[in-house]
Each structure stands twice: as C-alpha cells, then as structure tokens.
Protein backbone atom coordinates (compact mmCIF):
# COMPACT_ATOMS: atom_id res chain seq x y z
CA MET A 1 36.44 13.83 -7.76
CA GLN A 2 38.15 12.69 -10.97
CA ILE A 3 38.81 9.53 -12.93
CA GLU A 4 41.81 10.49 -15.03
CA THR A 5 40.65 13.66 -16.85
CA THR A 6 36.92 13.07 -16.33
CA HIS A 7 35.15 14.95 -13.54
CA ILE A 8 32.66 12.85 -11.56
CA GLU A 9 29.88 15.13 -10.44
CA ASP A 10 28.79 15.10 -6.80
CA THR A 11 25.27 13.88 -7.49
CA PHE A 12 23.20 10.71 -7.33
CA ALA A 13 21.21 8.36 -9.50
CA GLU A 14 17.66 8.04 -8.25
CA ALA A 15 16.48 4.46 -8.72
CA PHE A 16 13.14 2.80 -8.11
CA ALA A 17 11.79 -0.30 -6.43
CA MET A 18 10.68 -2.80 -9.05
CA TRP A 19 10.05 -6.53 -9.35
CA GLY A 20 12.38 -8.69 -11.39
CA THR A 21 12.88 -12.21 -12.66
CA ARG A 22 15.35 -14.31 -14.61
CA VAL A 23 14.17 -16.39 -17.56
CA LEU A 24 16.29 -19.17 -19.07
CA VAL A 25 15.60 -19.92 -22.73
CA THR A 26 17.21 -22.98 -24.31
CA ALA A 27 17.11 -24.31 -27.84
CA ALA A 28 18.66 -26.88 -30.15
CA SER A 29 21.23 -24.27 -31.18
CA ALA A 30 22.64 -21.07 -29.77
CA GLU A 31 21.23 -19.24 -32.80
CA TRP A 32 17.63 -20.22 -32.05
CA ALA A 33 18.05 -19.40 -28.35
CA GLN A 34 19.42 -15.98 -29.31
CA ALA A 35 16.59 -15.35 -31.78
CA SER A 36 13.99 -16.08 -29.12
CA ALA A 37 15.77 -13.94 -26.51
CA GLN A 38 16.07 -10.98 -28.87
CA SER A 39 12.37 -11.20 -29.63
CA MET A 40 11.43 -11.48 -25.95
CA THR A 41 13.49 -8.45 -24.96
CA GLY A 42 12.25 -6.29 -27.83
CA PHE A 43 10.18 -3.16 -27.08
CA ALA A 44 11.13 -3.36 -23.39
CA THR A 45 13.24 -0.26 -22.84
CA SER A 46 11.11 1.64 -20.32
CA VAL A 47 8.01 1.04 -18.23
CA ILE A 48 6.89 4.51 -19.34
CA GLY A 49 5.90 3.19 -22.75
CA CYS A 50 6.58 -0.55 -22.79
CA LYS A 51 5.04 -1.78 -19.50
CA CYS A 52 8.30 -3.56 -18.65
CA GLU A 53 12.07 -3.38 -19.02
CA ALA A 54 14.16 -6.32 -20.14
CA GLY A 55 17.57 -7.30 -21.43
CA ILE A 56 19.79 -10.26 -22.17
CA GLU A 57 21.98 -10.99 -19.16
CA ARG A 58 24.37 -13.51 -20.74
CA GLU A 59 24.75 -16.52 -22.99
CA LEU A 60 24.65 -19.93 -21.33
CA SER A 61 26.67 -23.00 -22.21
CA PRO A 62 24.92 -26.40 -22.22
CA ALA A 63 26.58 -27.11 -18.85
CA ASP A 64 24.68 -24.15 -17.34
CA THR A 65 21.13 -24.98 -18.51
CA PRO A 66 18.51 -27.34 -17.04
CA ASP A 67 18.25 -29.43 -20.22
CA GLY A 68 21.88 -29.41 -21.32
CA ARG A 69 21.33 -27.28 -24.41
CA PRO A 70 22.63 -23.84 -25.42
CA GLY A 71 20.72 -21.04 -23.74
CA ILE A 72 20.27 -17.39 -22.91
CA SER A 73 19.61 -15.76 -19.53
CA ILE A 74 17.11 -12.89 -19.69
CA LEU A 75 16.18 -10.41 -16.95
CA LEU A 76 12.71 -8.85 -16.96
CA PHE A 77 11.46 -6.04 -14.70
CA ALA A 78 8.10 -4.43 -13.98
CA MET A 79 6.69 -2.09 -11.35
CA ASP A 80 4.69 -4.68 -9.41
CA LYS A 81 4.20 -8.43 -9.04
CA ALA A 82 0.97 -8.62 -11.01
CA SER A 83 2.37 -6.69 -13.96
CA LEU A 84 5.53 -8.79 -14.01
CA GLY A 85 3.46 -11.99 -14.13
CA LYS A 86 1.42 -10.67 -17.06
CA ARG A 87 4.51 -9.64 -19.00
CA LEU A 88 6.08 -13.06 -18.47
CA VAL A 89 3.05 -14.86 -19.87
CA GLU A 90 2.78 -12.48 -22.81
CA ARG A 91 6.43 -12.51 -23.81
CA ILE A 92 7.15 -16.18 -23.23
CA GLY A 93 3.94 -17.10 -25.01
CA GLN A 94 4.57 -14.87 -28.01
CA CYS A 95 8.37 -14.92 -28.27
CA VAL A 96 9.61 -18.21 -26.81
CA MET A 97 6.81 -20.72 -27.43
CA THR A 98 6.65 -19.50 -31.04
CA CYS A 99 10.39 -20.02 -31.69
CA PRO A 100 11.52 -23.40 -33.07
CA THR A 101 13.05 -25.94 -30.64
CA THR A 102 12.91 -23.70 -27.53
CA ALA A 103 12.17 -24.56 -23.91
CA CYS A 104 11.77 -22.10 -21.04
CA PHE A 105 12.73 -22.31 -17.38
CA SER A 106 12.75 -20.09 -14.32
CA GLY A 107 16.24 -18.94 -13.43
CA LEU A 108 15.41 -17.54 -10.02
CA GLU A 109 14.66 -19.16 -6.69
CA SER A 110 12.38 -17.01 -4.56
CA GLU A 111 9.57 -17.17 -2.05
CA TYR A 112 7.50 -15.25 -4.60
CA GLY A 113 6.32 -16.71 -7.88
CA ALA A 114 4.23 -16.09 -10.97
CA SER A 115 2.21 -18.68 -12.87
CA VAL A 116 3.59 -18.92 -16.41
CA GLY A 117 3.48 -22.48 -17.72
CA GLY A 118 0.38 -22.92 -15.61
CA LYS A 119 -1.34 -20.42 -17.92
CA LEU A 120 0.40 -21.12 -21.21
CA ARG A 121 -0.54 -24.81 -20.93
CA TYR A 122 -4.07 -23.97 -22.06
CA PHE A 123 -2.69 -23.32 -25.54
CA GLY A 124 -2.37 -27.11 -25.68
CA ASP A 125 -6.17 -27.29 -25.95
CA GLY A 126 -6.41 -30.20 -23.54
CA TYR A 127 -3.51 -32.18 -25.04
CA GLN A 128 -0.92 -30.68 -22.69
CA ILE A 129 0.84 -32.97 -20.21
CA SER A 130 2.33 -32.21 -16.80
CA LYS A 131 5.71 -33.66 -15.81
CA LYS A 132 8.38 -33.20 -13.14
CA LEU A 133 11.95 -32.14 -13.86
CA ALA A 134 14.25 -31.97 -10.85
CA ASP A 135 11.23 -31.56 -8.55
CA GLU A 136 9.89 -28.68 -10.63
CA ARG A 137 6.51 -28.97 -12.34
CA MET A 138 6.77 -28.51 -16.08
CA TRP A 139 4.24 -28.47 -18.89
CA ARG A 140 4.65 -30.18 -22.24
CA VAL A 141 2.57 -28.26 -24.74
CA PRO A 142 2.14 -29.85 -28.18
CA VAL A 143 3.31 -27.58 -31.01
CA MET A 144 4.04 -28.17 -34.67
CA ASP A 145 7.73 -29.06 -34.27
CA GLY A 146 7.08 -31.37 -31.31
CA GLU A 147 6.59 -30.04 -27.77
CA PHE A 148 7.20 -26.78 -25.97
CA LEU A 149 8.52 -27.44 -22.45
CA VAL A 150 7.83 -24.63 -19.97
CA GLN A 151 8.09 -24.38 -16.20
CA ASP A 152 4.85 -24.04 -14.25
CA ARG A 153 5.91 -21.13 -11.99
CA PHE A 154 8.73 -18.61 -12.28
CA GLY A 155 10.49 -17.07 -9.30
CA ILE A 156 10.18 -13.30 -8.93
CA GLN A 157 11.72 -10.93 -6.39
CA PRO A 158 11.99 -7.27 -5.38
CA ALA A 159 14.46 -5.49 -7.65
CA VAL A 160 15.93 -2.08 -8.47
CA GLY A 161 15.35 -0.16 -11.69
CA GLY A 162 16.64 3.10 -13.07
CA GLY A 163 20.23 3.24 -11.91
CA ASN A 164 21.95 5.47 -14.43
CA LEU A 165 25.01 7.30 -15.66
CA ILE A 166 25.00 10.41 -17.85
CA LEU A 167 28.09 10.75 -20.04
CA CYS A 168 28.91 14.29 -21.18
CA GLY A 169 31.37 14.50 -24.06
CA LYS A 170 32.97 17.04 -26.36
CA SER A 171 31.97 15.12 -29.47
CA ALA A 172 29.62 12.36 -30.57
CA ALA A 173 32.54 10.12 -31.53
CA VAL A 174 34.14 10.26 -28.09
CA THR A 175 30.86 9.96 -26.19
CA VAL A 176 29.61 6.99 -28.23
CA ALA A 177 32.95 5.21 -27.76
CA ALA A 178 32.85 5.90 -24.01
CA ALA A 179 29.30 4.57 -23.77
CA GLY A 180 30.24 1.44 -25.70
CA ASP A 181 33.16 0.70 -23.40
CA ALA A 182 31.00 1.32 -20.33
CA VAL A 183 28.32 -1.04 -21.60
CA ALA A 184 30.88 -3.77 -22.29
CA ALA A 185 32.23 -3.46 -18.75
CA MET A 186 28.78 -3.41 -17.17
CA ARG A 187 27.66 -6.53 -19.01
CA ARG A 188 30.32 -8.51 -17.18
CA ILE A 189 28.40 -7.86 -13.94
CA ALA A 190 25.85 -10.52 -12.97
CA ASP A 191 22.22 -9.74 -12.11
CA ILE A 192 21.89 -6.57 -14.24
CA ALA A 193 20.24 -5.67 -17.52
CA LEU A 194 20.70 -2.64 -19.77
CA PRO A 195 17.29 -2.29 -21.41
CA PHE A 196 17.93 0.36 -24.07
CA PRO A 197 19.28 -0.32 -27.60
CA GLY A 198 22.89 -1.38 -27.26
CA GLY A 199 22.58 -0.47 -23.59
CA VAL A 200 22.49 3.26 -24.36
CA VAL A 201 19.75 5.92 -24.54
CA ARG A 202 20.12 9.29 -26.27
CA SER A 203 16.58 10.51 -25.47
CA GLY A 204 16.87 10.83 -21.71
CA SER A 205 13.66 12.10 -20.14
CA LYS A 206 12.40 14.22 -17.29
CA VAL A 207 9.12 13.85 -15.43
CA GLY A 208 6.24 15.82 -16.94
CA SER A 209 5.80 18.01 -19.99
CA ARG A 210 4.21 21.28 -21.07
CA TYR A 211 1.81 18.97 -22.92
CA LYS A 212 -0.61 17.58 -20.34
CA SER A 213 -1.04 14.24 -22.07
CA LEU A 214 2.65 13.32 -21.72
CA PRO A 215 4.00 11.84 -18.46
CA ALA A 216 7.60 12.45 -19.57
CA SER A 217 9.47 14.61 -22.06
CA THR A 218 12.98 15.35 -23.27
CA ASN A 219 15.50 16.19 -20.55
CA HIS A 220 16.14 19.67 -21.93
CA ALA A 221 18.86 20.44 -19.38
CA TYR A 222 21.07 17.84 -21.07
CA CYS A 223 20.26 18.67 -24.72
CA PRO A 224 23.33 20.34 -26.30
CA THR A 225 21.26 22.17 -28.93
CA LEU A 226 19.30 23.91 -26.17
CA LYS A 227 22.27 25.29 -24.20
CA ALA A 228 21.66 28.82 -25.48
CA VAL A 229 17.88 28.52 -25.29
CA VAL A 230 17.05 27.30 -21.77
CA ALA A 231 18.07 28.99 -18.55
CA ASP A 232 18.63 25.75 -16.63
CA SER A 233 21.02 23.92 -18.93
CA SER A 234 23.37 21.57 -17.09
CA LEU A 235 25.96 21.61 -19.87
CA GLY A 236 29.14 23.58 -20.22
CA ALA A 237 30.15 25.25 -23.47
CA ASP A 238 32.44 22.34 -24.40
CA ILE A 239 29.73 19.63 -24.13
CA ASN A 240 28.26 18.70 -27.50
CA CYS A 241 26.96 15.17 -26.93
CA VAL A 242 25.25 13.48 -23.97
CA LEU A 243 24.36 9.80 -23.64
CA GLU A 244 22.73 7.96 -20.76
CA ILE A 245 23.07 4.37 -19.61
CA VAL A 246 20.18 2.93 -17.56
CA ILE A 247 20.77 -0.08 -15.33
CA ASP A 248 18.17 -2.43 -13.84
CA GLY A 249 19.25 -5.07 -11.34
CA LEU A 250 17.98 -7.89 -9.20
CA THR A 251 19.78 -6.21 -6.28
CA GLU A 252 20.98 -2.72 -5.42
CA ALA A 253 24.49 -4.12 -5.00
CA ALA A 254 24.49 -5.32 -8.61
CA VAL A 255 23.34 -1.91 -9.88
CA ARG A 256 26.03 -0.17 -7.83
CA ALA A 257 28.71 -2.54 -9.13
CA ALA A 258 27.66 -1.92 -12.72
CA MET A 259 27.69 1.84 -12.25
CA ARG A 260 31.14 1.68 -10.67
CA VAL A 261 32.77 -0.27 -13.50
CA GLY A 262 30.86 1.75 -16.08
CA MET A 263 32.28 5.02 -14.83
CA SER A 264 35.82 3.68 -14.86
CA ALA A 265 35.44 2.29 -18.38
CA ALA A 266 33.87 5.49 -19.76
CA ALA A 267 36.32 8.04 -18.32
CA ARG A 268 38.77 9.42 -20.90
CA PRO A 269 40.06 12.60 -22.54
CA GLY A 270 37.22 14.24 -24.43
CA LEU A 271 34.66 13.22 -21.81
CA PRO A 272 34.77 16.15 -19.37
CA ALA A 273 32.07 14.90 -17.01
CA ILE A 274 29.99 11.96 -15.81
CA SER A 275 26.75 12.76 -14.01
CA ALA A 276 23.54 10.96 -13.07
CA GLY A 277 19.81 11.62 -13.32
CA ASN A 278 17.58 12.18 -10.32
CA TYR A 279 14.38 13.87 -9.24
CA GLY A 280 15.68 15.55 -6.14
CA GLY A 281 15.15 12.41 -4.11
CA LYS A 282 11.37 12.83 -4.22
CA LEU A 283 10.36 9.84 -6.34
CA GLY A 284 12.81 6.93 -6.17
CA GLN A 285 13.45 4.75 -3.15
CA PHE A 286 17.20 4.44 -3.85
CA GLN A 287 19.80 7.21 -4.05
CA ILE A 288 23.13 5.99 -5.41
CA ARG A 289 25.74 8.72 -5.03
CA LEU A 290 28.47 8.61 -7.63
CA HIS A 291 31.21 9.57 -5.20
CA SER A 292 30.21 6.76 -2.86
CA LEU A 293 30.84 4.27 -5.66
CA LEU A 294 34.41 5.46 -6.01
CA ASP A 295 35.34 5.70 -2.33
CA GLY A 296 33.72 2.40 -1.34
CA GLY A 297 30.90 4.08 0.59
CA VAL A 298 27.45 2.66 1.04
CA ALA A 299 24.27 3.81 -0.67
CA GLU A 300 22.37 6.62 0.97
C-alpha cells in the first residue's frame, strides 16, 4: 500500500492501556499560561524514565476557559490511576502553583477522579478557603501574588498510550521535514498529545537490553549506522535516517485519527517507507494496523 511514493508497511503499532486527564491552566496573559504549561509538561516523554507522559494539547482563548482568561490545555498520562493522581499533584504543585497569576482547572468530566486541590490546599497552612465555581469545589490558596485557585478533584479516564509511526528516509533533511509536517497535522486532532521534544523521538527503544539493569535499549533494527553490523536490521540500503512519532490519546479513535493524518502529511519523495513499532502483539492491549487506517478499517 502506498501514499504517493511512500510505501506503507503492512504492520501495526502496539499501544498500551493507560490513564489520562486534561488540565486547563489559565493566567493573566497567554505568555504566563504558556510558561506554566511548558514547565508542567517538561521531563514527561516516557513512563520508562519519567513516570508519566504529557504534552500541550492546544491554546485556549478566554472564551474557552472557566475564568475567562487565556489558557492552555494539557494532557497527562500514566500507567494507573494512583500514579496519575500523584503526578497531577506534583506537577500542578510545582509548575502551576509556582507560576505568577495562574489558576488550574480539570478539563475532563469522568466518573473517575483524583484529588488535586484537595491535597495542594494544605500548602495554604490553614489560611486556604473553599469556594464553589459552577458547582465545582475550588480551593483558594494564599500565595505571594494573591491567591492560587485550583479545582478540588480532576477527572481521569482510561486512555491509550504508545501509538506510533516510524518514518524511514533517505536523508536527515527529508526525514526531519516529514516528521515536522506530520506533527503539525497531528496536533490539529483533539484528545491527543505528542510527548517527545517537538513531537519527535530519534532514540526509539526496544524492550530489554544486554545490560540487565536496563528495561529498554536502542532499537538497533532501525539504527542506520548498524545496518551492516546486525543481522536483523529492518532498513534497506537507501535508508539513512529514521524518526519516530509517539502518540498518546484519551481514546483509541483519537490515536488512530492522528496516525492517519500523520502518515498522509509525512509521505513524500525521499521517504521510502513508513512503519510502526510493536512487540509482536505480546505486550500492548491495542494493535493499530497501518493499512486499516488507510482503508477505513477498524482496529484489530
């Protein structure tokens, strides 16, 4: 199966069940909201080393926020409910409460929730005050520029992490450009986050290592410099650069939509193939076949 001159390999991305949430950060200016969001989503590329995965979903106009101020929508993912709750408290406490003029709200309605403001309120040292905003319990925590307003509980829900595309190009210039265009297209899809820097990862990994202390190591089959060294290289002689895009989503449908538009945006001359990473279907709960995305099929 082809998109223009790019071959779409008959394989699948193996994705995992996770838990996800949406956090709305507002501030007196878009610049302060962005500063807080960038801090909150820092060091959140992979649960392997960061305990969570996070990314900015989109900018919000004052008309789209609970307090009528500029804002940012952030998606945060972890492997289980308890871990997600801990990461929310840590990151909102350290990256949002610390940022001038910010407030923080849950952006997700769900039957499941995590206490966030209910724990951060103790920073107020007994001077914190509870209030209601549109039937939601909020906490007003005194800080040095006034008050930090934070919602008591944040909605969380089952989510999907680790959808992916592997772009195989003839040169770094072509592959980087293809990845950039794919990322731009994917970011127009709601309910997804691309947790790696700029949405792209060059150090794709495989499970395990020859070093017992490492749970993951370089995906040698996709390293161009190892084509003549390893017997199981997945790269043809004309492939000299490989980049991966990892997609986390609040729903499988959102991940599939992002992968679909990403493939179309990336395909071009100089990019001979688009593939996906998997573990033979033995680890992840979701198998998203690339061909099914192009022919309108359903996930297997």
